[in-house]
Amino acid sequence: MELNEKLIAPCGLYCGWCPYYIVGTENFKCEGCFTRDKCTIRDCAEEKGLRLCTYCHEFPCKKLYEMYGGMSEFFNQIRRDFPEGIGNKHP
């Protein structure tokens, strides 16, 4: 699999590996961090003229700690939405 640089979020996550990007659900299909209306971390990086948070002098910041601290709930939501995984499905 070739990585698409446009799908690397400033926070370090790769949207191209997310099931909401790959197949989505009946109610939600994400097109990646840069297509969303609002993202606190992405917006902060853009305001500072940065592509990735790792280039910021405040890295790692409170926003990143809070986001990554909530990953267990994100993973639990993925389990609820994709109980069988996504198998070999891809866009």
N, C-alpha and C. Protein backbone atom coordinates (compact mmCIF):
# COMPACT_ATOMS: atom_id res chain seq x y z
N MET A 1 0.84 -1.18 0.00
CA MET A 1 0.00 0.00 0.00
C MET A 1 0.88 1.24 0.00
N GLU A 2 0.61 2.13 -0.92
CA GLU A 2 1.35 3.38 -0.99
C GLU A 2 0.64 4.43 -0.14
N LEU A 3 1.39 5.16 0.67
CA LEU A 3 0.80 6.19 1.51
C LEU A 3 0.51 7.44 0.69
N ASN A 4 -0.64 8.02 0.97
CA ASN A 4 -1.02 9.28 0.35
C ASN A 4 -0.70 10.38 1.35
N GLU A 5 0.26 11.23 1.03
CA GLU A 5 0.70 12.27 1.95
C GLU A 5 -0.44 13.20 2.38
N LYS A 6 -1.44 13.37 1.54
CA LYS A 6 -2.57 14.24 1.86
C LYS A 6 -3.44 13.64 2.96
N LEU A 7 -3.26 12.36 3.26
CA LEU A 7 -4.06 11.70 4.30
C LEU A 7 -3.33 11.59 5.62
N ILE A 8 -2.14 12.20 5.72
CA ILE A 8 -1.43 12.23 7.00
C ILE A 8 -1.91 13.48 7.73
N ALA A 9 -2.60 13.26 8.84
CA ALA A 9 -3.13 14.37 9.63
C ALA A 9 -2.00 15.02 10.43
N PRO A 10 -2.12 16.30 10.75
CA PRO A 10 -1.10 16.98 11.54
C PRO A 10 -0.80 16.28 12.87
N CYS A 11 -1.81 15.61 13.43
CA CYS A 11 -1.64 14.93 14.72
C CYS A 11 -0.80 13.66 14.59
N GLY A 12 -0.58 13.20 13.36
CA GLY A 12 0.22 12.01 13.13
C GLY A 12 -0.58 10.79 12.72
N LEU A 13 -1.90 10.86 12.81
CA LEU A 13 -2.72 9.73 12.38
C LEU A 13 -2.75 9.69 10.85
N TYR A 14 -2.90 8.48 10.33
CA TYR A 14 -3.01 8.32 8.88
C TYR A 14 -4.45 7.98 8.54
N CYS A 15 -5.17 8.96 8.00
CA CYS A 15 -6.59 8.80 7.70
C CYS A 15 -6.85 7.63 6.74
N GLY A 16 -5.89 7.33 5.88
CA GLY A 16 -6.06 6.26 4.90
C GLY A 16 -6.17 4.87 5.51
N TRP A 17 -5.87 4.72 6.79
CA TRP A 17 -6.00 3.44 7.48
C TRP A 17 -7.26 3.36 8.34
N CYS A 18 -8.00 4.43 8.42
CA CYS A 18 -9.18 4.49 9.28
C CYS A 18 -10.38 3.85 8.57
N PRO A 19 -11.13 2.99 9.27
CA PRO A 19 -12.29 2.37 8.65
C PRO A 19 -13.36 3.36 8.21
N TYR A 20 -13.44 4.50 8.87
CA TYR A 20 -14.42 5.51 8.45
C TYR A 20 -14.01 6.13 7.12
N TYR A 21 -12.73 6.17 6.83
CA TYR A 21 -12.26 6.64 5.54
C TYR A 21 -12.36 5.53 4.49
N ILE A 22 -11.94 4.32 4.86
CA ILE A 22 -11.88 3.22 3.90
C ILE A 22 -13.27 2.83 3.40
N VAL A 23 -14.19 2.56 4.32
CA VAL A 23 -15.53 2.12 3.89
C VAL A 23 -16.66 2.96 4.45
N GLY A 24 -16.44 3.61 5.57
CA GLY A 24 -17.49 4.41 6.19
C GLY A 24 -18.64 3.54 6.70
N THR A 25 -19.63 4.20 7.21
CA THR A 25 -20.83 3.52 7.68
C THR A 25 -22.01 4.06 6.88
N GLU A 26 -23.16 3.52 7.15
CA GLU A 26 -24.36 4.02 6.48
C GLU A 26 -24.58 5.50 6.78
N ASN A 27 -24.20 5.93 7.99
CA ASN A 27 -24.45 7.30 8.43
C ASN A 27 -23.24 8.23 8.36
N PHE A 28 -22.04 7.68 8.17
CA PHE A 28 -20.85 8.53 8.24
C PHE A 28 -19.73 8.00 7.37
N LYS A 29 -19.22 8.86 6.51
CA LYS A 29 -18.06 8.56 5.68
C LYS A 29 -17.12 9.74 5.78
N CYS A 30 -15.92 9.52 6.30
CA CYS A 30 -14.94 10.59 6.47
C CYS A 30 -14.03 10.62 5.25
N GLU A 31 -13.76 11.79 4.76
CA GLU A 31 -12.86 11.94 3.61
C GLU A 31 -11.47 12.40 4.02
N GLY A 32 -11.20 12.38 5.33
CA GLY A 32 -9.88 12.77 5.81
C GLY A 32 -9.90 14.08 6.57
N CYS A 33 -8.89 14.26 7.36
CA CYS A 33 -8.77 15.41 8.25
C CYS A 33 -8.92 16.74 7.53
N PHE A 34 -8.34 16.87 6.36
CA PHE A 34 -8.33 18.17 5.69
C PHE A 34 -9.64 18.51 5.00
N THR A 35 -10.59 17.59 5.01
CA THR A 35 -11.90 17.88 4.41
C THR A 35 -12.93 18.24 5.46
N ARG A 36 -12.61 18.03 6.72
CA ARG A 36 -13.56 18.31 7.80
C ARG A 36 -13.71 19.80 8.01
N ASP A 37 -14.89 20.22 8.48
CA ASP A 37 -15.14 21.64 8.73
C ASP A 37 -14.25 22.17 9.84
N LYS A 38 -14.13 21.40 10.90
CA LYS A 38 -13.38 21.87 12.06
C LYS A 38 -12.59 20.73 12.68
N CYS A 39 -11.36 20.98 12.97
CA CYS A 39 -10.51 20.06 13.72
C CYS A 39 -9.56 20.92 14.53
N THR A 40 -9.67 20.87 15.82
CA THR A 40 -8.88 21.74 16.70
C THR A 40 -7.39 21.60 16.44
N ILE A 41 -6.93 20.37 16.29
CA ILE A 41 -5.49 20.14 16.10
C ILE A 41 -5.05 20.59 14.71
N ARG A 42 -5.79 20.20 13.69
CA ARG A 42 -5.45 20.61 12.32
C ARG A 42 -5.47 22.13 12.20
N ASP A 43 -6.51 22.76 12.76
CA ASP A 43 -6.64 24.21 12.68
C ASP A 43 -5.49 24.90 13.40
N CYS A 44 -5.07 24.36 14.53
CA CYS A 44 -3.94 24.93 15.27
C CYS A 44 -2.66 24.85 14.43
N ALA A 45 -2.41 23.69 13.84
CA ALA A 45 -1.21 23.51 13.01
C ALA A 45 -1.25 24.48 11.82
N GLU A 46 -2.40 24.59 11.18
CA GLU A 46 -2.51 25.49 10.03
C GLU A 46 -2.27 26.95 10.43
N GLU A 47 -2.80 27.36 11.59
CA GLU A 47 -2.59 28.72 12.08
C GLU A 47 -1.11 29.01 12.29
N LYS A 48 -0.35 27.98 12.67
CA LYS A 48 1.09 28.14 12.91
C LYS A 48 1.91 27.90 11.64
N GLY A 49 1.23 27.59 10.54
CA GLY A 49 1.92 27.35 9.28
C GLY A 49 2.66 26.02 9.24
N LEU A 50 2.17 25.04 10.02
CA LEU A 50 2.82 23.74 10.11
C LEU A 50 2.01 22.66 9.43
N ARG A 51 2.66 21.72 8.82
CA ARG A 51 1.99 20.57 8.21
C ARG A 51 1.79 19.47 9.24
N LEU A 52 2.75 19.31 10.14
CA LEU A 52 2.68 18.29 11.19
C LEU A 52 2.98 18.90 12.54
N CYS A 53 2.28 18.43 13.55
CA CYS A 53 2.47 18.94 14.91
C CYS A 53 3.89 18.71 15.42
N THR A 54 4.55 17.69 14.93
CA THR A 54 5.90 17.38 15.43
C THR A 54 6.88 18.51 15.17
N TYR A 55 6.57 19.42 14.26
CA TYR A 55 7.45 20.55 13.98
C TYR A 55 7.20 21.74 14.92
N CYS A 56 6.19 21.64 15.75
CA CYS A 56 5.83 22.73 16.66
C CYS A 56 6.72 22.73 17.90
N HIS A 57 7.10 23.91 18.36
CA HIS A 57 7.93 24.01 19.56
C HIS A 57 7.17 23.61 20.82
N GLU A 58 5.84 23.52 20.75
CA GLU A 58 5.03 23.10 21.90
C GLU A 58 4.73 21.60 21.90
N PHE A 59 5.22 20.87 20.90
CA PHE A 59 4.95 19.43 20.76
C PHE A 59 5.61 18.65 21.89
N PRO A 60 4.89 17.71 22.48
CA PRO A 60 3.46 17.44 22.38
C PRO A 60 2.68 18.39 23.28
N CYS A 61 1.58 18.87 22.80
CA CYS A 61 0.79 19.85 23.54
C CYS A 61 -0.43 19.21 24.21
N LYS A 62 -1.12 20.02 24.98
CA LYS A 62 -2.31 19.56 25.69
C LYS A 62 -3.37 19.02 24.73
N LYS A 63 -3.53 19.69 23.58
CA LYS A 63 -4.53 19.24 22.60
C LYS A 63 -4.24 17.81 22.13
N LEU A 64 -2.97 17.52 21.87
CA LEU A 64 -2.60 16.17 21.44
C LEU A 64 -2.81 15.15 22.55
N TYR A 65 -2.42 15.51 23.77
CA TYR A 65 -2.63 14.60 24.90
C TYR A 65 -4.12 14.29 25.07
N GLU A 66 -4.95 15.31 24.94
CA GLU A 66 -6.40 15.09 25.08
C GLU A 66 -6.92 14.21 23.96
N MET A 67 -6.48 14.48 22.71
CA MET A 67 -6.94 13.68 21.59
C MET A 67 -6.51 12.22 21.75
N TYR A 68 -5.24 12.00 22.00
CA TYR A 68 -4.75 10.64 22.14
C TYR A 68 -5.30 9.97 23.38
N GLY A 69 -5.62 10.75 24.42
CA GLY A 69 -6.25 10.20 25.62
C GLY A 69 -7.64 9.66 25.34
N GLY A 70 -8.29 10.18 24.30
CA GLY A 70 -9.63 9.73 23.93
C GLY A 70 -9.63 8.61 22.89
N MET A 71 -8.48 8.09 22.56
CA MET A 71 -8.41 7.06 21.52
C MET A 71 -9.11 5.77 21.92
N SER A 72 -9.15 5.44 23.20
CA SER A 72 -9.83 4.20 23.58
C SER A 72 -11.32 4.30 23.25
N GLU A 73 -11.94 5.46 23.44
CA GLU A 73 -13.34 5.62 23.07
C GLU A 73 -13.51 5.57 21.54
N PHE A 74 -12.56 6.15 20.81
CA PHE A 74 -12.59 6.08 19.36
C PHE A 74 -12.51 4.63 18.89
N PHE A 75 -11.60 3.86 19.48
CA PHE A 75 -11.47 2.44 19.12
C PHE A 75 -12.72 1.65 19.50
N ASN A 76 -13.32 1.98 20.64
CA ASN A 76 -14.57 1.31 21.03
C ASN A 76 -15.68 1.63 20.04
N GLN A 77 -15.72 2.87 19.53
CA GLN A 77 -16.73 3.24 18.53
C GLN A 77 -16.49 2.46 17.24
N ILE A 78 -15.23 2.30 16.86
CA ILE A 78 -14.92 1.50 15.67
C ILE A 78 -15.41 0.07 15.87
N ARG A 79 -15.20 -0.50 17.05
CA ARG A 79 -15.68 -1.86 17.33
C ARG A 79 -17.19 -1.95 17.20
N ARG A 80 -17.90 -0.92 17.68
CA ARG A 80 -19.36 -0.92 17.57
C ARG A 80 -19.81 -0.80 16.12
N ASP A 81 -19.15 0.09 15.36
CA ASP A 81 -19.56 0.34 13.98
C ASP A 81 -19.08 -0.74 13.01
N PHE A 82 -17.98 -1.42 13.35
CA PHE A 82 -17.40 -2.43 12.46
C PHE A 82 -17.12 -3.71 13.25
N PRO A 83 -18.16 -4.36 13.79
CA PRO A 83 -17.96 -5.53 14.66
C PRO A 83 -17.25 -6.68 13.96
N GLU A 84 -17.34 -6.76 12.66
CA GLU A 84 -16.68 -7.84 11.90
C GLU A 84 -15.41 -7.34 11.22
N GLY A 85 -14.97 -6.12 11.55
CA GLY A 85 -13.83 -5.53 10.86
C GLY A 85 -14.27 -5.06 9.49
N ILE A 86 -13.33 -4.74 8.64
CA ILE A 86 -13.69 -4.31 7.29
C ILE A 86 -13.23 -5.31 6.25
N GLY A 87 -12.57 -6.39 6.69
CA GLY A 87 -12.16 -7.43 5.76
C GLY A 87 -11.29 -6.87 4.65
N ASN A 88 -11.58 -7.24 3.44
CA ASN A 88 -10.79 -6.79 2.30
C ASN A 88 -11.46 -5.65 1.55
N LYS A 89 -12.41 -4.99 2.21
CA LYS A 89 -13.09 -3.86 1.57
C LYS A 89 -12.14 -2.68 1.47
N HIS A 90 -12.22 -1.95 0.43
CA HIS A 90 -11.45 -0.72 0.27
C HIS A 90 -12.18 0.18 -0.71
N PRO A 91 -11.86 1.48 -0.68
CA PRO A 91 -12.59 2.42 -1.55
C PRO A 91 -12.40 2.12 -3.02
